[in-house]
Amino acid sequence: MLRVVRVGGDSMSPTLENGDFVVALGAPLARQHRAGDVVIVDHARLGLIVKRIAELDPSGNWVQLEGDSAASTTREALGRVPCHHVKGRAILRIAPAPRGTSRLPRGLPRRPPSG
């Protein structure tokens, strides 16, 4: 299953910018998630969001999310999210010119800690 979602906001900048679109693979095409994957999540408080997996529970029950921008909601505020709320792994960014379309590789480095 494929899913296309429009990015709203700058929390994933510079990887994704406000107004970009992402194409995501849903289960079972997405396979196992990895730390660093950009994913689409149906968050209990925030609705449909695009974030990066910062940490995976070894038992496979939850993920910890983060944005790429220092302006993103903190990991603590996002909370641990049940794995079944992850709806897809982003594989493609579609952006206006000149940035254009590009693949989103798996396991990109996380942003350095602020502080």
PDB file of N, CA and C in Angstrom:
ATOM      1  N   MET A   1       0.840  -1.180   0.000  1.00  0.00           N
ATOM      2  CA  MET A   1       0.000   0.000   0.000  1.00  0.00           C
ATOM      3  C   MET A   1       0.885   1.243   0.000  1.00  0.00           C
ATOM      4  N   LEU A   2       0.557   2.198  -0.817  1.00  0.00           N
ATOM      5  CA  LEU A   2       1.258   3.481  -0.863  1.00  0.00           C
ATOM      6  C   LEU A   2       0.380   4.565  -0.270  1.00  0.00           C
ATOM      7  N   ARG A   3       1.029   5.522   0.343  1.00  0.00           N
ATOM      8  CA  ARG A   3       0.320   6.649   0.940  1.00  0.00           C
ATOM      9  C   ARG A   3       1.075   7.918   0.560  1.00  0.00           C
ATOM     10  N   VAL A   4       0.357   8.970   0.208  1.00  0.00           N
ATOM     11  CA  VAL A   4       0.953  10.268  -0.091  1.00  0.00           C
ATOM     12  C   VAL A   4       0.428  11.267   0.923  1.00  0.00           C
ATOM     13  N   VAL A   5       1.371  11.995   1.557  1.00  0.00           N
ATOM     14  CA  VAL A   5       1.009  12.939   2.607  1.00  0.00           C
ATOM     15  C   VAL A   5       1.729  14.256   2.342  1.00  0.00           C
ATOM     16  N   ARG A   6       1.029  15.363   2.552  1.00  0.00           N
ATOM     17  CA  ARG A   6       1.622  16.698   2.421  1.00  0.00           C
ATOM     18  C   ARG A   6       2.194  17.106   3.775  1.00  0.00           C
ATOM     19  N   VAL A   7       3.423  17.604   3.756  1.00  0.00           N
ATOM     20  CA  VAL A   7       4.099  18.041   4.975  1.00  0.00           C
ATOM     21  C   VAL A   7       3.597  19.431   5.349  1.00  0.00           C
ATOM     22  N   GLY A   8       3.208  19.597   6.596  1.00  0.00           N
ATOM     23  CA  GLY A   8       2.777  20.898   7.093  1.00  0.00           C
ATOM     24  C   GLY A   8       3.685  21.328   8.226  1.00  0.00           C
ATOM     25  N   GLY A   9       4.396  22.422   8.048  1.00  0.00           N
ATOM     26  CA  GLY A   9       5.294  22.906   9.090  1.00  0.00           C
ATOM     27  C   GLY A   9       6.745  22.612   8.777  1.00  0.00           C
ATOM     28  N   ASP A  10       7.611  23.079   9.677  1.00  0.00           N
ATOM     29  CA  ASP A  10       9.052  22.995   9.448  1.00  0.00           C
ATOM     30  C   ASP A  10       9.770  22.045  10.395  1.00  0.00           C
ATOM     31  N   SER A  11       9.060  21.189  11.091  1.00  0.00           N
ATOM     32  CA  SER A  11       9.697  20.337  12.098  1.00  0.00           C
ATOM     33  C   SER A  11      10.660  19.314  11.513  1.00  0.00           C
ATOM     34  N   MET A  12      10.537  19.010  10.228  1.00  0.00           N
ATOM     35  CA  MET A  12      11.428  18.036   9.600  1.00  0.00           C
ATOM     36  C   MET A  12      12.462  18.700   8.689  1.00  0.00           C
ATOM     37  N   SER A  13      12.575  20.015   8.773  1.00  0.00           N
ATOM     38  CA  SER A  13      13.551  20.743   7.968  1.00  0.00           C
ATOM     39  C   SER A  13      14.960  20.439   8.480  1.00  0.00           C
ATOM     40  N   PRO A  14      15.928  20.250   7.637  1.00  0.00           N
ATOM     41  CA  PRO A  14      15.952  20.495   6.203  1.00  0.00           C
ATOM     42  C   PRO A  14      15.580  19.293   5.340  1.00  0.00           C
ATOM     43  N   THR A  15      15.322  18.138   5.940  1.00  0.00           N
ATOM     44  CA  THR A  15      14.991  16.948   5.149  1.00  0.00           C
ATOM     45  C   THR A  15      13.708  17.157   4.366  1.00  0.00           C
ATOM     46  N   LEU A  16      12.681  17.658   5.039  1.00  0.00           N
ATOM     47  CA  LEU A  16      11.387  17.946   4.426  1.00  0.00           C
ATOM     48  C   LEU A  16      10.987  19.364   4.800  1.00  0.00           C
ATOM     49  N   GLU A  17      10.438  20.077   3.840  1.00  0.00           N
ATOM     50  CA  GLU A  17      10.016  21.458   4.062  1.00  0.00           C
ATOM     51  C   GLU A  17       8.496  21.552   3.990  1.00  0.00           C
ATOM     52  N   ASN A  18       7.956  22.603   4.593  1.00  0.00           N
ATOM     53  CA  ASN A  18       6.528  22.875   4.543  1.00  0.00           C
ATOM     54  C   ASN A  18       6.061  22.859   3.082  1.00  0.00           C
ATOM     55  N   GLY A  19       5.029  22.077   2.788  1.00  0.00           N
ATOM     56  CA  GLY A  19       4.482  21.998   1.438  1.00  0.00           C
ATOM     57  C   GLY A  19       5.019  20.839   0.616  1.00  0.00           C
ATOM     58  N   ASP A  20       6.091  20.202   1.052  1.00  0.00           N
ATOM     59  CA  ASP A  20       6.582  19.010   0.351  1.00  0.00           C
ATOM     60  C   ASP A  20       5.548  17.898   0.477  1.00  0.00           C
ATOM     61  N   PHE A  21       5.647  16.933  -0.401  1.00  0.00           N
ATOM     62  CA  PHE A  21       4.851  15.716  -0.305  1.00  0.00           C
ATOM     63  C   PHE A  21       5.798  14.553  -0.058  1.00  0.00           C
ATOM     64  N   VAL A  22       5.344  13.568   0.698  1.00  0.00           N
ATOM     65  CA  VAL A  22       6.111  12.341   0.864  1.00  0.00           C
ATOM     66  C   VAL A  22       5.257  11.169   0.399  1.00  0.00           C
ATOM     67  N   VAL A  23       5.924  10.221  -0.233  1.00  0.00           N
ATOM     68  CA  VAL A  23       5.304   8.964  -0.621  1.00  0.00           C
ATOM     69  C   VAL A  23       5.825   7.926   0.361  1.00  0.00           C
ATOM     70  N   ALA A  24       4.918   7.177   0.961  1.00  0.00           N
ATOM     71  CA  ALA A  24       5.301   6.211   1.990  1.00  0.00           C
ATOM     72  C   ALA A  24       4.793   4.818   1.643  1.00  0.00           C
ATOM     73  N   LEU A  25       5.609   3.844   2.004  1.00  0.00           N
ATOM     74  CA  LEU A  25       5.226   2.440   1.892  1.00  0.00           C
ATOM     75  C   LEU A  25       4.530   2.035   3.177  1.00  0.00           C
ATOM     76  N   GLY A  26       3.343   1.469   3.044  1.00  0.00           N
ATOM     77  CA  GLY A  26       2.640   0.944   4.211  1.00  0.00           C
ATOM     78  C   GLY A  26       2.945  -0.532   4.377  1.00  0.00           C
ATOM     79  N   ALA A  27       2.467  -1.108   5.466  1.00  0.00           N
ATOM     80  CA  ALA A  27       2.663  -2.539   5.703  1.00  0.00           C
ATOM     81  C   ALA A  27       1.930  -3.315   4.617  1.00  0.00           C
ATOM     82  N   PRO A  28       2.436  -4.426   4.174  1.00  0.00           N
ATOM     83  CA  PRO A  28       3.667  -5.104   4.560  1.00  0.00           C
ATOM     84  C   PRO A  28       4.890  -4.653   3.743  1.00  0.00           C
ATOM     85  N   LEU A  29       4.714  -3.726   2.830  1.00  0.00           N
ATOM     86  CA  LEU A  29       5.828  -3.302   1.967  1.00  0.00           C
ATOM     87  C   LEU A  29       6.955  -2.609   2.725  1.00  0.00           C
ATOM     88  N   ALA A  30       6.632  -1.959   3.838  1.00  0.00           N
ATOM     89  CA  ALA A  30       7.619  -1.154   4.550  1.00  0.00           C
ATOM     90  C   ALA A  30       8.664  -1.986   5.284  1.00  0.00           C
ATOM     91  N   ARG A  31       8.386  -3.250   5.541  1.00  0.00           N
ATOM     92  CA  ARG A  31       9.290  -4.121   6.304  1.00  0.00           C
ATOM     93  C   ARG A  31       9.502  -3.580   7.715  1.00  0.00           C
ATOM     94  N   GLN A  32      10.540  -4.056   8.371  1.00  0.00           N
ATOM     95  CA  GLN A  32      10.848  -3.615   9.733  1.00  0.00           C
ATOM     96  C   GLN A  32      11.335  -2.173   9.737  1.00  0.00           C
ATOM     97  N   HIS A  33      10.911  -1.423  10.716  1.00  0.00           N
ATOM     98  CA  HIS A  33      11.366  -0.050  10.852  1.00  0.00           C
ATOM     99  C   HIS A  33      12.739  -0.024  11.504  1.00  0.00           C
ATOM    100  N   ARG A  34      13.499   1.020  11.182  1.00  0.00           N
ATOM    101  CA  ARG A  34      14.824   1.211  11.750  1.00  0.00           C
ATOM    102  C   ARG A  34      14.906   2.599  12.363  1.00  0.00           C
ATOM    103  N   ALA A  35      15.781   2.736  13.355  1.00  0.00           N
ATOM    104  CA  ALA A  35      16.069   4.074  13.874  1.00  0.00           C
ATOM    105  C   ALA A  35      16.597   4.912  12.718  1.00  0.00           C
ATOM    106  N   GLY A  36      16.099   6.126  12.596  1.00  0.00           N
ATOM    107  CA  GLY A  36      16.483   7.015  11.509  1.00  0.00           C
ATOM    108  C   GLY A  36      15.491   7.053  10.365  1.00  0.00           C
ATOM    109  N   ASP A  37      14.581   6.078  10.271  1.00  0.00           N
ATOM    110  CA  ASP A  37      13.578   6.091   9.208  1.00  0.00           C
ATOM    111  C   ASP A  37      12.618   7.268   9.401  1.00  0.00           C
ATOM    112  N   VAL A  38      12.231   7.900   8.298  1.00  0.00           N
ATOM    113  CA  VAL A  38      11.186   8.915   8.308  1.00  0.00           C
ATOM    114  C   VAL A  38       9.864   8.176   8.117  1.00  0.00           C
ATOM    115  N   VAL A  39       8.914   8.425   9.015  1.00  0.00           N
ATOM    116  CA  VAL A  39       7.669   7.664   9.003  1.00  0.00           C
ATOM    117  C   VAL A  39       6.448   8.585   9.115  1.00  0.00           C
ATOM    118  N   ILE A  40       5.326   8.051   8.676  1.00  0.00           N
ATOM    119  CA  ILE A  40       4.030   8.702   8.855  1.00  0.00           C
ATOM    120  C   ILE A  40       3.362   8.004  10.029  1.00  0.00           C
ATOM    121  N   VAL A  41       2.894   8.794  10.976  1.00  0.00           N
ATOM    122  CA  VAL A  41       2.358   8.250  12.221  1.00  0.00           C
ATOM    123  C   VAL A  41       0.984   8.857  12.497  1.00  0.00           C
ATOM    124  N   ASP A  42       0.067   8.017  12.909  1.00  0.00           N
ATOM    125  CA  ASP A  42      -1.235   8.483  13.376  1.00  0.00           C
ATOM    126  C   ASP A  42      -1.109   8.688  14.886  1.00  0.00           C
ATOM    127  N   HIS A  43      -0.719   9.904  15.270  1.00  0.00           N
ATOM    128  CA  HIS A  43      -0.430  10.234  16.666  1.00  0.00           C
ATOM    129  C   HIS A  43      -1.744  10.497  17.409  1.00  0.00           C
ATOM    130  N   ALA A  44      -1.844   9.971  18.618  1.00  0.00           N
ATOM    131  CA  ALA A  44      -3.084  10.082  19.397  1.00  0.00           C
ATOM    132  C   ALA A  44      -3.516  11.527  19.637  1.00  0.00           C
ATOM    133  N   ARG A  45      -2.573  12.439  19.889  1.00  0.00           N
ATOM    134  CA  ARG A  45      -2.902  13.846  20.162  1.00  0.00           C
ATOM    135  C   ARG A  45      -2.789  14.737  18.941  1.00  0.00           C
ATOM    136  N   LEU A  46      -1.831  14.460  18.076  1.00  0.00           N
ATOM    137  CA  LEU A  46      -1.495  15.388  16.989  1.00  0.00           C
ATOM    138  C   LEU A  46      -2.059  14.991  15.632  1.00  0.00           C
ATOM    139  N   GLY A  47      -2.664  13.829  15.525  1.00  0.00           N
ATOM    140  CA  GLY A  47      -3.188  13.376  14.245  1.00  0.00           C
ATOM    141  C   GLY A  47      -2.075  12.804  13.372  1.00  0.00           C
ATOM    142  N   LEU A  48      -2.219  12.944  12.068  1.00  0.00           N
ATOM    143  CA  LEU A  48      -1.244  12.396  11.123  1.00  0.00           C
ATOM    144  C   LEU A  48      -0.018  13.304  11.066  1.00  0.00           C
ATOM    145  N   ILE A  49       1.145  12.761  11.426  1.00  0.00           N
ATOM    146  CA  ILE A  49       2.381  13.546  11.449  1.00  0.00           C
ATOM    147  C   ILE A  49       3.489  12.783  10.719  1.00  0.00           C
ATOM    148  N   VAL A  50       4.512  13.531  10.297  1.00  0.00           N
ATOM    149  CA  VAL A  50       5.703  12.948   9.680  1.00  0.00           C
ATOM    150  C   VAL A  50       6.873  13.246  10.605  1.00  0.00           C
ATOM    151  N   LYS A  51       7.532  12.205  11.076  1.00  0.00           N
ATOM    152  CA  LYS A  51       8.669  12.341  12.000  1.00  0.00           C
ATOM    153  C   LYS A  51       9.703  11.275  11.690  1.00  0.00           C
ATOM    154  N   ARG A  52      10.813  11.360  12.390  1.00  0.00           N
ATOM    155  CA  ARG A  52      11.882  10.382  12.263  1.00  0.00           C
ATOM    156  C   ARG A  52      11.862   9.471  13.493  1.00  0.00           C
ATOM    157  N   ILE A  53      12.132   8.180  13.299  1.00  0.00           N
ATOM    158  CA  ILE A  53      12.233   7.265  14.433  1.00  0.00           C
ATOM    159  C   ILE A  53      13.573   7.510  15.113  1.00  0.00           C
ATOM    160  N   ALA A  54      13.518   7.902  16.373  1.00  0.00           N
ATOM    161  CA  ALA A  54      14.728   8.138  17.157  1.00  0.00           C
ATOM    162  C   ALA A  54      15.157   6.874  17.885  1.00  0.00           C
ATOM    163  N   GLU A  55      14.174   6.080  18.294  1.00  0.00           N
ATOM    164  CA  GLU A  55      14.465   4.888  19.091  1.00  0.00           C
ATOM    165  C   GLU A  55      13.354   3.869  18.892  1.00  0.00           C
ATOM    166  N   LEU A  56      13.734   2.607  18.877  1.00  0.00           N
ATOM    167  CA  LEU A  56      12.774   1.506  18.780  1.00  0.00           C
ATOM    168  C   LEU A  56      12.830   0.676  20.051  1.00  0.00           C
ATOM    169  N   ASP A  57      11.689   0.311  20.555  1.00  0.00           N
ATOM    170  CA  ASP A  57      11.613  -0.588  21.697  1.00  0.00           C
ATOM    171  C   ASP A  57      12.105  -1.966  21.247  1.00  0.00           C
ATOM    172  N   PRO A  58      13.048  -2.569  21.961  1.00  0.00           N
ATOM    173  CA  PRO A  58      13.557  -3.890  21.569  1.00  0.00           C
ATOM    174  C   PRO A  58      12.465  -4.961  21.457  1.00  0.00           C
ATOM    175  N   SER A  59      11.386  -4.805  22.215  1.00  0.00           N
ATOM    176  CA  SER A  59      10.299  -5.791  22.136  1.00  0.00           C
ATOM    177  C   SER A  59       9.353  -5.514  20.973  1.00  0.00           C
ATOM    178  N   GLY A  60       9.533  -4.382  20.290  1.00  0.00           N
ATOM    179  CA  GLY A  60       8.712  -4.066  19.133  1.00  0.00           C
ATOM    180  C   GLY A  60       7.360  -3.477  19.440  1.00  0.00           C
ATOM    181  N   ASN A  61       7.166  -2.948  20.648  1.00  0.00           N
ATOM    182  CA  ASN A  61       5.860  -2.405  21.028  1.00  0.00           C
ATOM    183  C   ASN A  61       5.693  -0.919  20.748  1.00  0.00           C
ATOM    184  N   TRP A  62       6.777  -0.139  20.774  1.00  0.00           N
ATOM    185  CA  TRP A  62       6.666   1.309  20.633  1.00  0.00           C
ATOM    186  C   TRP A  62       7.879   1.884  19.913  1.00  0.00           C
ATOM    187  N   VAL A  63       7.721   3.116  19.433  1.00  0.00           N
ATOM    188  CA  VAL A  63       8.812   3.897  18.858  1.00  0.00           C
ATOM    189  C   VAL A  63       8.838   5.252  19.544  1.00  0.00           C
ATOM    190  N   GLN A  64      10.010   5.834  19.587  1.00  0.00           N
ATOM    191  CA  GLN A  64      10.185   7.213  20.052  1.00  0.00           C
ATOM    192  C   GLN A  64      10.479   8.037  18.807  1.00  0.00           C
ATOM    193  N   LEU A  65       9.796   9.168  18.651  1.00  0.00           N
ATOM    194  CA  LEU A  65       9.911   9.988  17.451  1.00  0.00           C
ATOM    195  C   LEU A  65      10.627  11.289  17.740  1.00  0.00           C
ATOM    196  N   GLU A  66      11.132  11.904  16.665  1.00  0.00           N
ATOM    197  CA  GLU A  66      11.721  13.240  16.753  1.00  0.00           C
ATOM    198  C   GLU A  66      11.626  13.901  15.388  1.00  0.00           C
ATOM    199  N   GLY A  67      11.721  15.236  15.400  1.00  0.00           N
ATOM    200  CA  GLY A  67      11.809  15.989  14.167  1.00  0.00           C
ATOM    201  C   GLY A  67      13.258  16.300  13.871  1.00  0.00           C
ATOM    202  N   ASP A  68      13.540  16.755  12.655  1.00  0.00           N
ATOM    203  CA  ASP A  68      14.917  17.084  12.283  1.00  0.00           C
ATOM    204  C   ASP A  68      15.307  18.500  12.692  1.00  0.00           C
ATOM    205  N   SER A  69      14.339  19.358  12.877  1.00  0.00           N
ATOM    206  CA  SER A  69      14.593  20.754  13.226  1.00  0.00           C
ATOM    207  C   SER A  69      14.606  20.939  14.737  1.00  0.00           C
ATOM    208  N   ALA A  70      15.441  21.848  15.199  1.00  0.00           N
ATOM    209  CA  ALA A  70      15.464  22.176  16.633  1.00  0.00           C
ATOM    210  C   ALA A  70      14.121  22.763  17.069  1.00  0.00           C
ATOM    211  N   ALA A  71      13.333  23.278  16.123  1.00  0.00           N
ATOM    212  CA  ALA A  71      12.028  23.862  16.431  1.00  0.00           C
ATOM    213  C   ALA A  71      10.929  22.805  16.564  1.00  0.00           C
ATOM    214  N   SER A  72      11.265  21.542  16.323  1.00  0.00           N
ATOM    215  CA  SER A  72      10.278  20.460  16.397  1.00  0.00           C
ATOM    216  C   SER A  72       9.842  20.220  17.836  1.00  0.00           C
ATOM    217  N   THR A  73       8.676  19.632  17.984  1.00  0.00           N
ATOM    218  CA  THR A  73       8.209  19.166  19.283  1.00  0.00           C
ATOM    219  C   THR A  73       9.236  18.180  19.831  1.00  0.00           C
ATOM    220  N   THR A  74       9.511  18.237  21.105  1.00  0.00           N
ATOM    221  CA  THR A  74      10.527  17.374  21.707  1.00  0.00           C
ATOM    222  C   THR A  74      10.081  15.913  21.741  1.00  0.00           C
ATOM    223  N   ARG A  75      11.056  15.033  21.868  1.00  0.00           N
ATOM    224  CA  ARG A  75      10.758  13.598  22.020  1.00  0.00           C
ATOM    225  C   ARG A  75       9.827  13.369  23.194  1.00  0.00           C
ATOM    226  N   GLU A  76      10.120  14.049  24.297  1.00  0.00           N
ATOM    227  CA  GLU A  76       9.317  13.866  25.513  1.00  0.00           C
ATOM    228  C   GLU A  76       7.864  14.286  25.288  1.00  0.00           C
ATOM    229  N   ALA A  77       7.663  15.384  24.592  1.00  0.00           N
ATOM    230  CA  ALA A  77       6.296  15.851  24.332  1.00  0.00           C
ATOM    231  C   ALA A  77       5.558  14.922  23.368  1.00  0.00           C
ATOM    232  N   LEU A  78       6.277  14.336  22.419  1.00  0.00           N
ATOM    233  CA  LEU A  78       5.659  13.392  21.487  1.00  0.00           C
ATOM    234  C   LEU A  78       5.313  12.082  22.184  1.00  0.00           C
ATOM    235  N   GLY A  79       6.124  11.710  23.162  1.00  0.00           N
ATOM    236  CA  GLY A  79       5.888  10.474  23.894  1.00  0.00           C
ATOM    237  C   GLY A  79       6.213   9.236  23.077  1.00  0.00           C
ATOM    238  N   ARG A  80       6.115   8.107  23.726  1.00  0.00           N
ATOM    239  CA  ARG A  80       6.287   6.828  23.037  1.00  0.00           C
ATOM    240  C   ARG A  80       5.008   6.516  22.281  1.00  0.00           C
ATOM    241  N   VAL A  81       5.175   6.070  21.049  1.00  0.00           N
ATOM    242  CA  VAL A  81       4.031   5.814  20.184  1.00  0.00           C
ATOM    243  C   VAL A  81       3.967   4.316  19.888  1.00  0.00           C
ATOM    244  N   PRO A  82       2.805   3.692  20.053  1.00  0.00           N
ATOM    245  CA  PRO A  82       2.684   2.268  19.720  1.00  0.00           C
ATOM    246  C   PRO A  82       3.045   2.022  18.256  1.00  0.00           C
ATOM    247  N   CYS A  83       3.747   0.941  17.994  1.00  0.00           N
ATOM    248  CA  CYS A  83       4.196   0.632  16.632  1.00  0.00           C
ATOM    249  C   CYS A  83       3.050   0.544  15.630  1.00  0.00           C
ATOM    250  N   HIS A  84       1.884   0.089  16.081  1.00  0.00           N
ATOM    251  CA  HIS A  84       0.764  -0.034  15.141  1.00  0.00           C
ATOM    252  C   HIS A  84       0.226   1.336  14.698  1.00  0.00           C
ATOM    253  N   HIS A  85       0.686   2.418  15.304  1.00  0.00           N
ATOM    254  CA  HIS A  85       0.300   3.761  14.867  1.00  0.00           C
ATOM    255  C   HIS A  85       1.198   4.267  13.738  1.00  0.00           C
ATOM    256  N   VAL A  86       2.297   3.571  13.476  1.00  0.00           N
ATOM    257  CA  VAL A  86       3.167   3.920  12.343  1.00  0.00           C
ATOM    258  C   VAL A  86       2.482   3.386  11.091  1.00  0.00           C
ATOM    259  N   LYS A  87       2.094   4.303  10.199  1.00  0.00           N
ATOM    260  CA  LYS A  87       1.297   3.938   9.032  1.00  0.00           C
ATOM    261  C   LYS A  87       2.108   3.740   7.761  1.00  0.00           C
ATOM    262  N   GLY A  88       3.367   4.197   7.772  1.00  0.00           N
ATOM    263  CA  GLY A  88       4.185   3.997   6.584  1.00  0.00           C
ATOM    264  C   GLY A  88       5.565   4.593   6.742  1.00  0.00           C
ATOM    265  N   ARG A  89       6.502   4.088   5.930  1.00  0.00           N
ATOM    266  CA  ARG A  89       7.873   4.604   5.895  1.00  0.00           C
ATOM    267  C   ARG A  89       8.040   5.435   4.639  1.00  0.00           C
ATOM    268  N   ALA A  90       8.440   6.696   4.831  1.00  0.00           N
ATOM    269  CA  ALA A  90       8.609   7.611   3.697  1.00  0.00           C
ATOM    270  C   ALA A  90       9.796   7.173   2.851  1.00  0.00           C
ATOM    271  N   ILE A  91       9.570   7.093   1.548  1.00  0.00           N
ATOM    272  CA  ILE A  91      10.632   6.670   0.640  1.00  0.00           C
ATOM    273  C   ILE A  91      10.970   7.726  -0.402  1.00  0.00           C
ATOM    274  N   LEU A  92      10.079   8.706  -0.579  1.00  0.00           N
ATOM    275  CA  LEU A  92      10.259   9.676  -1.651  1.00  0.00           C
ATOM    276  C   LEU A  92       9.741  11.037  -1.212  1.00  0.00           C
ATOM    277  N   ARG A  93      10.525  12.090  -1.505  1.00  0.00           N
ATOM    278  CA  ARG A  93      10.089  13.462  -1.251  1.00  0.00           C
ATOM    279  C   ARG A  93       9.791  14.097  -2.598  1.00  0.00           C
ATOM    280  N   ILE A  94       8.645  14.753  -2.691  1.00  0.00           N
ATOM    281  CA  ILE A  94       8.289  15.509  -3.890  1.00  0.00           C
ATOM    282  C   ILE A  94       8.172  16.959  -3.465  1.00  0.00           C
ATOM    283  N   ALA A  95       9.059  17.792  -4.014  1.00  0.00           N
ATOM    284  CA  ALA A  95       9.133  19.198  -3.618  1.00  0.00           C
ATOM    285  C   ALA A  95       9.110  20.067  -4.860  1.00  0.00           C
ATOM    286  N   PRO A  96       8.724  21.333  -4.690  1.00  0.00           N
ATOM    287  CA  PRO A  96       8.767  22.251  -5.824  1.00  0.00           C
ATOM    288  C   PRO A  96      10.211  22.444  -6.311  1.00  0.00           C
ATOM    289  N   ALA A  97      10.354  22.861  -7.563  1.00  0.00           N
ATOM    290  CA  ALA A  97      11.682  23.165  -8.113  1.00  0.00           C
ATOM    291  C   ALA A  97      12.282  24.300  -7.292  1.00  0.00           C
ATOM    292  N   PRO A  98      13.536  24.406  -7.090  1.00  0.00           N
ATOM    293  CA  PRO A  98      14.582  23.595  -7.706  1.00  0.00           C
ATOM    294  C   PRO A  98      14.909  22.333  -6.928  1.00  0.00           C
ATOM    295  N   ARG A  99      14.324  22.112  -5.742  1.00  0.00           N
ATOM    296  CA  ARG A  99      14.671  20.925  -4.950  1.00  0.00           C
ATOM    297  C   ARG A  99      14.178  19.658  -5.612  1.00  0.00           C
ATOM    298  N   GLY A 100      12.985  19.673  -6.158  1.00  0.00           N
ATOM    299  CA  GLY A 100      12.465  18.545  -6.919  1.00  0.00           C
ATOM    300  C   GLY A 100      12.234  17.286  -6.106  1.00  0.00           C
ATOM    301  N   THR A 101      12.243  16.174  -6.813  1.00  0.00           N
ATOM    302  CA  THR A 101      11.952  14.876  -6.222  1.00  0.00           C
ATOM    303  C   THR A 101      13.243  14.166  -5.842  1.00  0.00           C
ATOM    304  N   SER A 102      13.241  13.522  -4.672  1.00  0.00           N
ATOM    305  CA  SER A 102      14.416  12.758  -4.268  1.00  0.00           C
ATOM    306  C   SER A 102      14.009  11.617  -3.360  1.00  0.00           C
ATOM    307  N   ARG A 103      14.824  10.566  -3.385  1.00  0.00           N
ATOM    308  CA  ARG A 103      14.595   9.428  -2.498  1.00  0.00           C
ATOM    309  C   ARG A 103      14.985   9.796  -1.081  1.00  0.00           C
ATOM    310  N   LEU A 104      14.308   9.209  -0.120  1.00  0.00           N
ATOM    311  CA  LEU A 104      14.644   9.375   1.297  1.00  0.00           C
ATOM    312  C   LEU A 104      15.324   8.084   1.739  1.00  0.00           C
ATOM    313  N   PRO A 105      16.636   8.109   1.904  1.00  0.00           N
ATOM    314  CA  PRO A 105      17.323   6.881   2.305  1.00  0.00           C
ATOM    315  C   PRO A 105      16.950   6.469   3.712  1.00  0.00           C
ATOM    316  N   ARG A 106      17.155   5.217   3.996  1.00  0.00           N
ATOM    317  CA  ARG A 106      16.849   4.687   5.330  1.00  0.00           C
ATOM    318  C   ARG A 106      17.945   5.075   6.295  1.00  0.00           C
ATOM    319  N   GLY A 107      17.561   5.277   7.546  1.00  0.00           N
ATOM    320  CA  GLY A 107      18.521   5.460   8.615  1.00  0.00           C
ATOM    321  C   GLY A 107      19.393   6.693   8.501  1.00  0.00           C
ATOM    322  N   LEU A 108      18.821   7.815   8.036  1.00  0.00           N
ATOM    323  CA  LEU A 108      19.597   9.056   8.007  1.00  0.00           C
ATOM    324  C   LEU A 108      20.053   9.418   9.402  1.00  0.00           C
ATOM    325  N   PRO A 109      21.177  10.096   9.511  1.00  0.00           N
ATOM    326  CA  PRO A 109      21.631  10.499  10.849  1.00  0.00           C
ATOM    327  C   PRO A 109      20.625  11.415  11.511  1.00  0.00           C
ATOM    328  N   ARG A 110      20.499  11.262  12.802  1.00  0.00           N
ATOM    329  CA  ARG A 110      19.615  12.125  13.579  1.00  0.00           C
ATOM    330  C   ARG A 110      20.277  13.462  13.774  1.00  0.00           C
ATOM    331  N   ARG A 111      19.453  14.456  14.102  1.00  0.00           N
ATOM    332  CA  ARG A 111      20.009  15.791  14.356  1.00  0.00           C
ATOM    333  C   ARG A 111      20.810  15.761  15.647  1.00  0.00           C
ATOM    334  N   PRO A 112      21.858  16.575  15.718  1.00  0.00           N
ATOM    335  CA  PRO A 112      22.644  16.586  16.961  1.00  0.00           C
ATOM    336  C   PRO A 112      21.817  17.129  18.099  1.00  0.00           C
ATOM    337  N   PRO A 113      22.092  16.686  19.331  1.00  0.00           N
ATOM    338  CA  PRO A 113      21.329  17.195  20.471  1.00  0.00           C
ATOM    339  C   PRO A 113      21.530  18.691  20.630  1.00  0.00           C
ATOM    340  N   SER A 114      20.445  19.383  20.953  1.00  0.00           N
ATOM    341  CA  SER A 114      20.555  20.822  21.170  1.00  0.00           C
ATOM    342  C   SER A 114      21.066  21.087  22.579  1.00  0.00           C
ATOM    343  N   GLY A 115      21.729  22.217  22.714  1.00  0.00           N
ATOM    344  CA  GLY A 115      22.084  22.531  24.066  1.00  0.00           C
ATOM    345  C   GLY A 115      23.443  22.965  24.265  1.00  0.00           C
TER     346      GLY A 115
END
